[in-house]
Protein backbone atom coordinates (compact mmCIF):
# COMPACT_ATOMS: atom_id res chain seq x y z
CA UNK A 1 0.00 0.00 0.00
CA UNK A 2 1.32 3.45 -0.95
CA UNK A 3 1.34 5.96 1.93
CA UNK A 4 1.51 9.73 1.45
CA UNK A 5 2.43 11.46 4.68
CA UNK A 6 1.19 14.88 5.68
CA UNK A 7 4.13 17.23 5.75
CA UNK A 8 4.91 20.96 5.86
CA UNK A 9 7.42 23.29 4.23
CA UNK A 10 9.16 23.74 7.61
CA UNK A 11 12.90 23.68 6.92
CA UNK A 12 13.73 21.13 9.63
CA UNK A 13 16.63 18.67 9.74
CA UNK A 14 14.88 16.21 7.40
CA UNK A 15 14.30 18.88 4.76
CA UNK A 16 17.85 20.20 5.12
CA UNK A 17 19.12 16.66 4.58
CA UNK A 18 17.05 16.23 1.41
CA UNK A 19 18.29 19.59 0.11
CA UNK A 20 21.96 18.88 0.87
CA UNK A 21 22.00 15.31 -0.45
CA UNK A 22 20.41 16.38 -3.74
CA UNK A 23 22.84 19.30 -3.95
CA UNK A 24 25.73 16.86 -3.53
CA UNK A 25 24.29 14.28 -5.91
CA UNK A 26 24.26 16.88 -8.66
CA UNK A 27 28.04 17.31 -8.35
CA UNK A 28 28.66 13.57 -8.07
CA UNK A 29 26.71 12.97 -11.28
CA UNK A 30 28.43 15.91 -12.97
CA UNK A 31 31.81 14.34 -12.16
CA UNK A 32 30.83 11.27 -14.18
CA UNK A 33 28.63 12.76 -16.92
CA UNK A 34 30.08 16.27 -17.51
CA UNK A 35 26.54 17.33 -18.40
CA UNK A 36 24.70 19.89 -16.30
CA UNK A 37 21.29 18.90 -17.63
CA UNK A 38 21.79 15.16 -17.19
CA UNK A 39 23.25 15.66 -13.71
CA UNK A 40 20.25 17.75 -12.68
CA UNK A 41 17.77 15.23 -14.05
CA UNK A 42 19.56 12.27 -12.44
CA UNK A 43 19.79 13.90 -9.02
CA UNK A 44 16.09 14.82 -9.10
CA UNK A 45 15.21 11.33 -10.31
CA UNK A 46 17.16 9.66 -7.48
CA UNK A 47 15.31 11.81 -4.94
CA UNK A 48 11.95 11.04 -6.51
CA UNK A 49 12.59 7.30 -6.70
CA UNK A 50 13.71 7.22 -3.07
CA UNK A 51 10.51 8.98 -2.03
CA UNK A 52 8.41 6.51 -4.00
CA UNK A 53 10.31 3.71 -2.28
CA UNK A 54 9.51 5.30 1.09
CA UNK A 55 5.85 5.44 0.10
CA UNK A 56 5.76 1.67 -0.37
CA UNK A 57 8.15 0.70 2.44
CA UNK A 58 6.84 -0.47 5.79
CA UNK A 59 10.03 0.82 7.44
CA UNK A 60 9.51 4.48 6.47
CA UNK A 61 6.79 7.00 7.24
CA UNK A 62 5.71 7.40 3.61
CA UNK A 63 6.08 9.51 0.50
CA UNK A 64 6.38 13.28 1.04
CA UNK A 65 5.65 15.93 -1.57
CA UNK A 66 7.70 18.39 0.50
CA UNK A 67 10.75 16.08 0.47
CA UNK A 68 10.51 15.89 -3.33
CA UNK A 69 10.26 19.70 -3.40
CA UNK A 70 13.45 20.09 -1.34
CA UNK A 71 15.22 17.42 -3.43
CA UNK A 72 14.36 19.40 -6.56
CA UNK A 73 15.37 22.75 -5.04
CA UNK A 74 18.70 21.26 -3.92
CA UNK A 75 19.46 19.91 -7.39
CA UNK A 76 18.39 23.08 -9.17
CA UNK A 77 20.31 25.36 -6.82
CA UNK A 78 23.47 23.27 -7.33
CA UNK A 79 23.03 23.54 -11.11
CA UNK A 80 22.39 27.29 -10.87
CA UNK A 81 25.45 27.91 -8.71
CA UNK A 82 27.53 25.75 -11.05
CA UNK A 83 26.21 27.61 -14.10
CA UNK A 84 26.93 31.00 -12.49
CA UNK A 85 30.45 29.86 -11.58
CA UNK A 86 31.19 28.83 -15.16
PDB file of N, CA and C in Angstrom:
ATOM      1  N   UNK A   1       0.838  -1.182   0.000  1.00  0.00           N
ATOM      2  CA  UNK A   1       0.000   0.000   0.000  1.00  0.00           C
ATOM      3  C   UNK A   1       0.885   1.248   0.000  1.00  0.00           C
ATOM      4  N   UNK A   2       0.549   2.209  -0.825  1.00  0.00           N
ATOM      5  CA  UNK A   2       1.316   3.447  -0.947  1.00  0.00           C
ATOM      6  C   UNK A   2       0.797   4.465   0.060  1.00  0.00           C
ATOM      7  N   UNK A   3       1.712   5.009   0.882  1.00  0.00           N
ATOM      8  CA  UNK A   3       1.344   5.956   1.933  1.00  0.00           C
ATOM      9  C   UNK A   3       1.911   7.327   1.595  1.00  0.00           C
ATOM     10  N   UNK A   4       1.064   8.346   1.615  1.00  0.00           N
ATOM     11  CA  UNK A   4       1.507   9.729   1.453  1.00  0.00           C
ATOM     12  C   UNK A   4       1.364  10.399   2.808  1.00  0.00           C
ATOM     13  N   UNK A   5       2.492  10.856   3.352  1.00  0.00           N
ATOM     14  CA  UNK A   5       2.433  11.462   4.682  1.00  0.00           C
ATOM     15  C   UNK A   5       2.118  12.946   4.579  1.00  0.00           C
ATOM     16  N   UNK A   6       1.472  13.446   5.604  1.00  0.00           N
ATOM     17  CA  UNK A   6       1.185  14.883   5.682  1.00  0.00           C
ATOM     18  C   UNK A   6       2.452  15.568   6.168  1.00  0.00           C
ATOM     19  N   UNK A   7       2.860  16.578   5.459  1.00  0.00           N
ATOM     20  CA  UNK A   7       4.126  17.234   5.745  1.00  0.00           C
ATOM     21  C   UNK A   7       3.973  18.732   5.532  1.00  0.00           C
ATOM     22  N   UNK A   8       4.934  19.504   6.015  1.00  0.00           N
ATOM     23  CA  UNK A   8       4.910  20.956   5.865  1.00  0.00           C
ATOM     24  C   UNK A   8       6.188  21.417   5.172  1.00  0.00           C
ATOM     25  N   UNK A   9       6.239  22.703   4.835  1.00  0.00           N
ATOM     26  CA  UNK A   9       7.424  23.291   4.230  1.00  0.00           C
ATOM     27  C   UNK A   9       8.482  23.652   5.274  1.00  0.00           C
ATOM     28  N   UNK A  10       8.220  23.376   6.553  1.00  0.00           N
ATOM     29  CA  UNK A  10       9.161  23.739   7.614  1.00  0.00           C
ATOM     30  C   UNK A  10      10.544  23.174   7.294  1.00  0.00           C
ATOM     31  N   UNK A  11      11.545  24.051   7.310  1.00  0.00           N
ATOM     32  CA  UNK A  11      12.903  23.679   6.918  1.00  0.00           C
ATOM     33  C   UNK A  11      13.626  23.032   8.099  1.00  0.00           C
ATOM     34  N   UNK A  12      13.153  21.853   8.500  1.00  0.00           N
ATOM     35  CA  UNK A  12      13.728  21.127   9.628  1.00  0.00           C
ATOM     36  C   UNK A  12      14.906  20.268   9.160  1.00  0.00           C
ATOM     37  N   UNK A  13      15.455  19.469  10.063  1.00  0.00           N
ATOM     38  CA  UNK A  13      16.630  18.666   9.741  1.00  0.00           C
ATOM     39  C   UNK A  13      16.383  17.718   8.568  1.00  0.00           C
ATOM     40  N   UNK A  14      15.203  17.120   8.510  1.00  0.00           N
ATOM     41  CA  UNK A  14      14.877  16.210   7.400  1.00  0.00           C
ATOM     42  C   UNK A  14      14.916  16.942   6.065  1.00  0.00           C
ATOM     43  N   UNK A  15      14.325  18.118   6.011  1.00  0.00           N
ATOM     44  CA  UNK A  15      14.300  18.884   4.756  1.00  0.00           C
ATOM     45  C   UNK A  15      15.694  19.370   4.383  1.00  0.00           C
ATOM     46  N   UNK A  16      16.472  19.771   5.381  1.00  0.00           N
ATOM     47  CA  UNK A  16      17.845  20.201   5.119  1.00  0.00           C
ATOM     48  C   UNK A  16      18.659  19.039   4.548  1.00  0.00           C
ATOM     49  N   UNK A  17      18.413  17.848   5.070  1.00  0.00           N
ATOM     50  CA  UNK A  17      19.118  16.660   4.576  1.00  0.00           C
ATOM     51  C   UNK A  17      18.761  16.372   3.126  1.00  0.00           C
ATOM     52  N   UNK A  18      17.477  16.457   2.795  1.00  0.00           N
ATOM     53  CA  UNK A  18      17.052  16.230   1.408  1.00  0.00           C
ATOM     54  C   UNK A  18      17.685  17.265   0.481  1.00  0.00           C
ATOM     55  N   UNK A  19      17.696  18.516   0.909  1.00  0.00           N
ATOM     56  CA  UNK A  19      18.287  19.587   0.110  1.00  0.00           C
ATOM     57  C   UNK A  19      19.780  19.316  -0.120  1.00  0.00           C
ATOM     58  N   UNK A  20      20.510  19.046   0.958  1.00  0.00           N
ATOM     59  CA  UNK A  20      21.965  18.880   0.869  1.00  0.00           C
ATOM     60  C   UNK A  20      22.365  17.629   0.090  1.00  0.00           C
ATOM     61  N   UNK A  21      21.664  16.539   0.279  1.00  0.00           N
ATOM     62  CA  UNK A  21      21.999  15.312  -0.448  1.00  0.00           C
ATOM     63  C   UNK A  21      21.774  15.512  -1.941  1.00  0.00           C
ATOM     64  N   UNK A  22      20.669  16.133  -2.318  1.00  0.00           N
ATOM     65  CA  UNK A  22      20.410  16.381  -3.739  1.00  0.00           C
ATOM     66  C   UNK A  22      21.427  17.353  -4.324  1.00  0.00           C
ATOM     67  N   UNK A  23      21.807  18.350  -3.535  1.00  0.00           N
ATOM     68  CA  UNK A  23      22.841  19.297  -3.946  1.00  0.00           C
ATOM     69  C   UNK A  23      24.130  18.536  -4.253  1.00  0.00           C
ATOM     70  N   UNK A  24      24.530  17.646  -3.352  1.00  0.00           N
ATOM     71  CA  UNK A  24      25.735  16.860  -3.530  1.00  0.00           C
ATOM     72  C   UNK A  24      25.640  15.861  -4.668  1.00  0.00           C
ATOM     73  N   UNK A  25      24.474  15.240  -4.816  1.00  0.00           N
ATOM     74  CA  UNK A  25      24.286  14.279  -5.905  1.00  0.00           C
ATOM     75  C   UNK A  25      24.494  14.929  -7.269  1.00  0.00           C
ATOM     76  N   UNK A  26      24.053  16.177  -7.397  1.00  0.00           N
ATOM     77  CA  UNK A  26      24.258  16.884  -8.663  1.00  0.00           C
ATOM     78  C   UNK A  26      25.750  16.875  -9.026  1.00  0.00           C
ATOM     79  N   UNK A  27      26.607  17.233  -8.069  1.00  0.00           N
ATOM     80  CA  UNK A  27      28.040  17.312  -8.353  1.00  0.00           C
ATOM     81  C   UNK A  27      28.672  15.933  -8.548  1.00  0.00           C
ATOM     82  N   UNK A  28      28.163  14.940  -7.845  1.00  0.00           N
ATOM     83  CA  UNK A  28      28.656  13.574  -8.068  1.00  0.00           C
ATOM     84  C   UNK A  28      28.331  13.137  -9.492  1.00  0.00           C
ATOM     85  N   UNK A  29      27.083  13.357  -9.919  1.00  0.00           N
ATOM     86  CA  UNK A  29      26.707  12.974 -11.280  1.00  0.00           C
ATOM     87  C   UNK A  29      27.461  13.797 -12.318  1.00  0.00           C
ATOM     88  N   UNK A  30      27.700  15.081 -12.017  1.00  0.00           N
ATOM     89  CA  UNK A  30      28.432  15.912 -12.969  1.00  0.00           C
ATOM     90  C   UNK A  30      29.867  15.407 -13.150  1.00  0.00           C
ATOM     91  N   UNK A  31      30.457  14.896 -12.091  1.00  0.00           N
ATOM     92  CA  UNK A  31      31.812  14.341 -12.164  1.00  0.00           C
ATOM     93  C   UNK A  31      31.883  13.220 -13.189  1.00  0.00           C
ATOM     94  N   UNK A  32      30.828  12.428 -13.276  1.00  0.00           N
ATOM     95  CA  UNK A  32      30.827  11.273 -14.180  1.00  0.00           C
ATOM     96  C   UNK A  32      30.222  11.561 -15.553  1.00  0.00           C
ATOM     97  N   UNK A  33      29.306  12.528 -15.647  1.00  0.00           N
ATOM     98  CA  UNK A  33      28.630  12.762 -16.925  1.00  0.00           C
ATOM     99  C   UNK A  33      29.137  13.999 -17.668  1.00  0.00           C
ATOM    100  N   UNK A  34      29.665  14.990 -16.944  1.00  0.00           N
ATOM    101  CA  UNK A  34      30.084  16.273 -17.510  1.00  0.00           C
ATOM    102  C   UNK A  34      28.943  16.982 -18.235  1.00  0.00           C
ATOM    103  N   UNK A  35      27.717  16.692 -17.821  1.00  0.00           N
ATOM    104  CA  UNK A  35      26.539  17.334 -18.401  1.00  0.00           C
ATOM    105  C   UNK A  35      25.690  17.930 -17.276  1.00  0.00           C
ATOM    106  N   UNK A  36      25.495  19.233 -17.334  1.00  0.00           N
ATOM    107  CA  UNK A  36      24.699  19.894 -16.299  1.00  0.00           C
ATOM    108  C   UNK A  36      23.253  19.414 -16.322  1.00  0.00           C
ATOM    109  N   UNK A  37      22.688  19.313 -17.513  1.00  0.00           N
ATOM    110  CA  UNK A  37      21.293  18.900 -17.628  1.00  0.00           C
ATOM    111  C   UNK A  37      21.094  17.467 -17.135  1.00  0.00           C
ATOM    112  N   UNK A  38      21.919  16.561 -17.598  1.00  0.00           N
ATOM    113  CA  UNK A  38      21.790  15.161 -17.191  1.00  0.00           C
ATOM    114  C   UNK A  38      22.020  15.002 -15.687  1.00  0.00           C
ATOM    115  N   UNK A  39      22.975  15.731 -15.140  1.00  0.00           N
ATOM    116  CA  UNK A  39      23.248  15.663 -13.706  1.00  0.00           C
ATOM    117  C   UNK A  39      22.064  16.162 -12.896  1.00  0.00           C
ATOM    118  N   UNK A  40      21.431  17.223 -13.364  1.00  0.00           N
ATOM    119  CA  UNK A  40      20.252  17.750 -12.682  1.00  0.00           C
ATOM    120  C   UNK A  40      19.110  16.744 -12.726  1.00  0.00           C
ATOM    121  N   UNK A  41      18.854  16.205 -13.896  1.00  0.00           N
ATOM    122  CA  UNK A  41      17.765  15.227 -14.053  1.00  0.00           C
ATOM    123  C   UNK A  41      18.023  13.984 -13.205  1.00  0.00           C
ATOM    124  N   UNK A  42      19.238  13.478 -13.214  1.00  0.00           N
ATOM    125  CA  UNK A  42      19.557  12.271 -12.444  1.00  0.00           C
ATOM    126  C   UNK A  42      19.420  12.502 -10.943  1.00  0.00           C
ATOM    127  N   UNK A  43      19.885  13.646 -10.465  1.00  0.00           N
ATOM    128  CA  UNK A  43      19.790  13.901  -9.023  1.00  0.00           C
ATOM    129  C   UNK A  43      18.336  14.073  -8.589  1.00  0.00           C
ATOM    130  N   UNK A  44      17.516  14.706  -9.416  1.00  0.00           N
ATOM    131  CA  UNK A  44      16.087  14.822  -9.102  1.00  0.00           C
ATOM    132  C   UNK A  44      15.428  13.453  -9.166  1.00  0.00           C
ATOM    133  N   UNK A  45      15.792  12.658 -10.149  1.00  0.00           N
ATOM    134  CA  UNK A  45      15.214  11.327 -10.313  1.00  0.00           C
ATOM    135  C   UNK A  45      15.554  10.408  -9.130  1.00  0.00           C
ATOM    136  N   UNK A  46      16.788  10.469  -8.647  1.00  0.00           N
ATOM    137  CA  UNK A  46      17.165   9.662  -7.482  1.00  0.00           C
ATOM    138  C   UNK A  46      16.313  10.050  -6.276  1.00  0.00           C
ATOM    139  N   UNK A  47      16.143  11.355  -6.051  1.00  0.00           N
ATOM    140  CA  UNK A  47      15.309  11.812  -4.936  1.00  0.00           C
ATOM    141  C   UNK A  47      13.870  11.362  -5.078  1.00  0.00           C
ATOM    142  N   UNK A  48      13.334  11.448  -6.272  1.00  0.00           N
ATOM    143  CA  UNK A  48      11.949  11.039  -6.514  1.00  0.00           C
ATOM    144  C   UNK A  48      11.773   9.535  -6.311  1.00  0.00           C
ATOM    145  N   UNK A  49      12.682   8.755  -6.853  1.00  0.00           N
ATOM    146  CA  UNK A  49      12.591   7.302  -6.700  1.00  0.00           C
ATOM    147  C   UNK A  49      12.725   6.870  -5.246  1.00  0.00           C
ATOM    148  N   UNK A  50      13.578   7.555  -4.498  1.00  0.00           N
ATOM    149  CA  UNK A  50      13.707   7.217  -3.074  1.00  0.00           C
ATOM    150  C   UNK A  50      12.416   7.546  -2.324  1.00  0.00           C
ATOM    151  N   UNK A  51      11.787   8.637  -2.675  1.00  0.00           N
ATOM    152  CA  UNK A  51      10.510   8.985  -2.031  1.00  0.00           C
ATOM    153  C   UNK A  51       9.423   7.975  -2.377  1.00  0.00           C
ATOM    154  N   UNK A  52       9.391   7.533  -3.615  1.00  0.00           N
ATOM    155  CA  UNK A  52       8.410   6.508  -4.002  1.00  0.00           C
ATOM    156  C   UNK A  52       8.678   5.226  -3.218  1.00  0.00           C
ATOM    157  N   UNK A  53       9.948   4.868  -3.091  1.00  0.00           N
ATOM    158  CA  UNK A  53      10.307   3.706  -2.278  1.00  0.00           C
ATOM    159  C   UNK A  53       9.793   3.872  -0.845  1.00  0.00           C
ATOM    160  N   UNK A  54       9.985   5.052  -0.268  1.00  0.00           N
ATOM    161  CA  UNK A  54       9.510   5.299   1.095  1.00  0.00           C
ATOM    162  C   UNK A  54       7.992   5.196   1.187  1.00  0.00           C
ATOM    163  N   UNK A  55       7.301   5.541   0.121  1.00  0.00           N
ATOM    164  CA  UNK A  55       5.848   5.443   0.104  1.00  0.00           C
ATOM    165  C   UNK A  55       5.366   4.005   0.185  1.00  0.00           C
ATOM    166  N   UNK A  56       6.130   3.089  -0.388  1.00  0.00           N
ATOM    167  CA  UNK A  56       5.757   1.672  -0.369  1.00  0.00           C
ATOM    168  C   UNK A  56       6.362   0.899   0.804  1.00  0.00           C
ATOM    169  N   UNK A  57       7.424   1.416   1.392  1.00  0.00           N
ATOM    170  CA  UNK A  57       8.150   0.702   2.438  1.00  0.00           C
ATOM    171  C   UNK A  57       7.392   0.722   3.768  1.00  0.00           C
ATOM    172  N   UNK A  58       7.439  -0.398   4.454  1.00  0.00           N
ATOM    173  CA  UNK A  58       6.839  -0.473   5.786  1.00  0.00           C
ATOM    174  C   UNK A  58       7.779   0.102   6.843  1.00  0.00           C
ATOM    175  N   UNK A  59       9.029   0.340   6.493  1.00  0.00           N
ATOM    176  CA  UNK A  59      10.025   0.816   7.441  1.00  0.00           C
ATOM    177  C   UNK A  59      10.182   2.338   7.422  1.00  0.00           C
ATOM    178  N   UNK A  60       9.440   3.016   6.575  1.00  0.00           N
ATOM    179  CA  UNK A  60       9.513   4.478   6.470  1.00  0.00           C
ATOM    180  C   UNK A  60       8.120   5.052   6.683  1.00  0.00           C
ATOM    181  N   UNK A  61       8.077   6.368   6.919  1.00  0.00           N
ATOM    182  CA  UNK A  61       6.791   6.996   7.241  1.00  0.00           C
ATOM    183  C   UNK A  61       5.936   7.304   6.023  1.00  0.00           C
ATOM    184  N   UNK A  62       6.490   7.179   4.819  1.00  0.00           N
ATOM    185  CA  UNK A  62       5.708   7.399   3.609  1.00  0.00           C
ATOM    186  C   UNK A  62       6.320   8.420   2.674  1.00  0.00           C
ATOM    187  N   UNK A  63       5.682   8.556   1.543  1.00  0.00           N
ATOM    188  CA  UNK A  63       6.079   9.506   0.498  1.00  0.00           C
ATOM    189  C   UNK A  63       5.742  10.924   0.956  1.00  0.00           C
ATOM    190  N   UNK A  64       6.616  11.882   0.664  1.00  0.00           N
ATOM    191  CA  UNK A  64       6.377  13.276   1.042  1.00  0.00           C
ATOM    192  C   UNK A  64       6.581  14.189  -0.163  1.00  0.00           C
ATOM    193  N   UNK A  65       5.540  14.942  -0.487  1.00  0.00           N
ATOM    194  CA  UNK A  65       5.650  15.930  -1.566  1.00  0.00           C
ATOM    195  C   UNK A  65       6.691  16.991  -1.212  1.00  0.00           C
ATOM    196  N   UNK A  66       6.768  17.343   0.064  1.00  0.00           N
ATOM    197  CA  UNK A  66       7.704  18.387   0.497  1.00  0.00           C
ATOM    198  C   UNK A  66       9.154  17.903   0.372  1.00  0.00           C
ATOM    199  N   UNK A  67       9.400  16.625   0.641  1.00  0.00           N
ATOM    200  CA  UNK A  67      10.746  16.082   0.468  1.00  0.00           C
ATOM    201  C   UNK A  67      11.154  16.134  -1.006  1.00  0.00           C
ATOM    202  N   UNK A  68      10.230  15.814  -1.888  1.00  0.00           N
ATOM    203  CA  UNK A  68      10.510  15.894  -3.326  1.00  0.00           C
ATOM    204  C   UNK A  68      10.791  17.344  -3.716  1.00  0.00           C
ATOM    205  N   UNK A  69      10.040  18.277  -3.134  1.00  0.00           N
ATOM    206  CA  UNK A  69      10.258  19.697  -3.396  1.00  0.00           C
ATOM    207  C   UNK A  69      11.679  20.095  -3.002  1.00  0.00           C
ATOM    208  N   UNK A  70      12.109  19.721  -1.796  1.00  0.00           N
ATOM    209  CA  UNK A  70      13.450  20.091  -1.343  1.00  0.00           C
ATOM    210  C   UNK A  70      14.542  19.345  -2.112  1.00  0.00           C
ATOM    211  N   UNK A  71      14.278  18.122  -2.552  1.00  0.00           N
ATOM    212  CA  UNK A  71      15.224  17.423  -3.430  1.00  0.00           C
ATOM    213  C   UNK A  71      15.412  18.211  -4.726  1.00  0.00           C
ATOM    214  N   UNK A  72      14.310  18.659  -5.297  1.00  0.00           N
ATOM    215  CA  UNK A  72      14.357  19.399  -6.555  1.00  0.00           C
ATOM    216  C   UNK A  72      15.053  20.740  -6.376  1.00  0.00           C
ATOM    217  N   UNK A  73      14.737  21.455  -5.300  1.00  0.00           N
ATOM    218  CA  UNK A  73      15.368  22.750  -5.043  1.00  0.00           C
ATOM    219  C   UNK A  73      16.871  22.576  -4.829  1.00  0.00           C
ATOM    220  N   UNK A  74      17.278  21.521  -4.131  1.00  0.00           N
ATOM    221  CA  UNK A  74      18.700  21.258  -3.921  1.00  0.00           C
ATOM    222  C   UNK A  74      19.427  21.013  -5.231  1.00  0.00           C
ATOM    223  N   UNK A  75      18.843  20.203  -6.087  1.00  0.00           N
ATOM    224  CA  UNK A  75      19.460  19.905  -7.389  1.00  0.00           C
ATOM    225  C   UNK A  75      19.525  21.142  -8.270  1.00  0.00           C
ATOM    226  N   UNK A  76      18.421  21.888  -8.316  1.00  0.00           N
ATOM    227  CA  UNK A  76      18.390  23.082  -9.169  1.00  0.00           C
ATOM    228  C   UNK A  76      19.312  24.178  -8.654  1.00  0.00           C
ATOM    229  N   UNK A  77      19.416  24.335  -7.351  1.00  0.00           N
ATOM    230  CA  UNK A  77      20.314  25.363  -6.823  1.00  0.00           C
ATOM    231  C   UNK A  77      21.775  24.987  -7.079  1.00  0.00           C
ATOM    232  N   UNK A  78      22.108  23.700  -7.001  1.00  0.00           N
ATOM    233  CA  UNK A  78      23.473  23.268  -7.333  1.00  0.00           C
ATOM    234  C   UNK A  78      23.779  23.573  -8.799  1.00  0.00           C
ATOM    235  N   UNK A  79      22.826  23.276  -9.681  1.00  0.00           N
ATOM    236  CA  UNK A  79      23.026  23.543 -11.105  1.00  0.00           C
ATOM    237  C   UNK A  79      23.144  25.047 -11.368  1.00  0.00           C
ATOM    238  N   UNK A  80      22.335  25.837 -10.681  1.00  0.00           N
ATOM    239  CA  UNK A  80      22.386  27.288 -10.872  1.00  0.00           C
ATOM    240  C   UNK A  80      23.717  27.857 -10.397  1.00  0.00           C
ATOM    241  N   UNK A  81      24.158  27.436  -9.230  1.00  0.00           N
ATOM    242  CA  UNK A  81      25.450  27.913  -8.713  1.00  0.00           C
ATOM    243  C   UNK A  81      26.579  27.468  -9.639  1.00  0.00           C
ATOM    244  N   UNK A  82      26.514  26.265 -10.112  1.00  0.00           N
ATOM    245  CA  UNK A  82      27.529  25.748 -11.046  1.00  0.00           C
ATOM    246  C   UNK A  82      27.526  26.560 -12.334  1.00  0.00           C
ATOM    247  N   UNK A  83      26.340  26.819 -12.867  1.00  0.00           N
ATOM    248  CA  UNK A  83      26.212  27.607 -14.097  1.00  0.00           C
ATOM    249  C   UNK A  83      26.758  29.023 -13.902  1.00  0.00           C
ATOM    250  N   UNK A  84      26.450  29.640 -12.751  1.00  0.00           N
ATOM    251  CA  UNK A  84      26.934  31.000 -12.491  1.00  0.00           C
ATOM    252  C   UNK A  84      28.462  31.016 -12.328  1.00  0.00           C
ATOM    253  N   UNK A  85      29.007  29.959 -11.770  1.00  0.00           N
ATOM    254  CA  UNK A  85      30.451  29.864 -11.577  1.00  0.00           C
ATOM    255  C   UNK A  85      31.180  29.751 -12.915  1.00  0.00           C
ATOM    256  N   UNK A  86      30.564  29.009 -13.856  1.00  0.00           N
ATOM    257  CA  UNK A  86      31.190  28.829 -15.165  1.00  0.00           C
ATOM    258  C   UNK A  86      31.097  30.105 -15.952  1.00  0.00           C
TER     259      UNK A  86
END
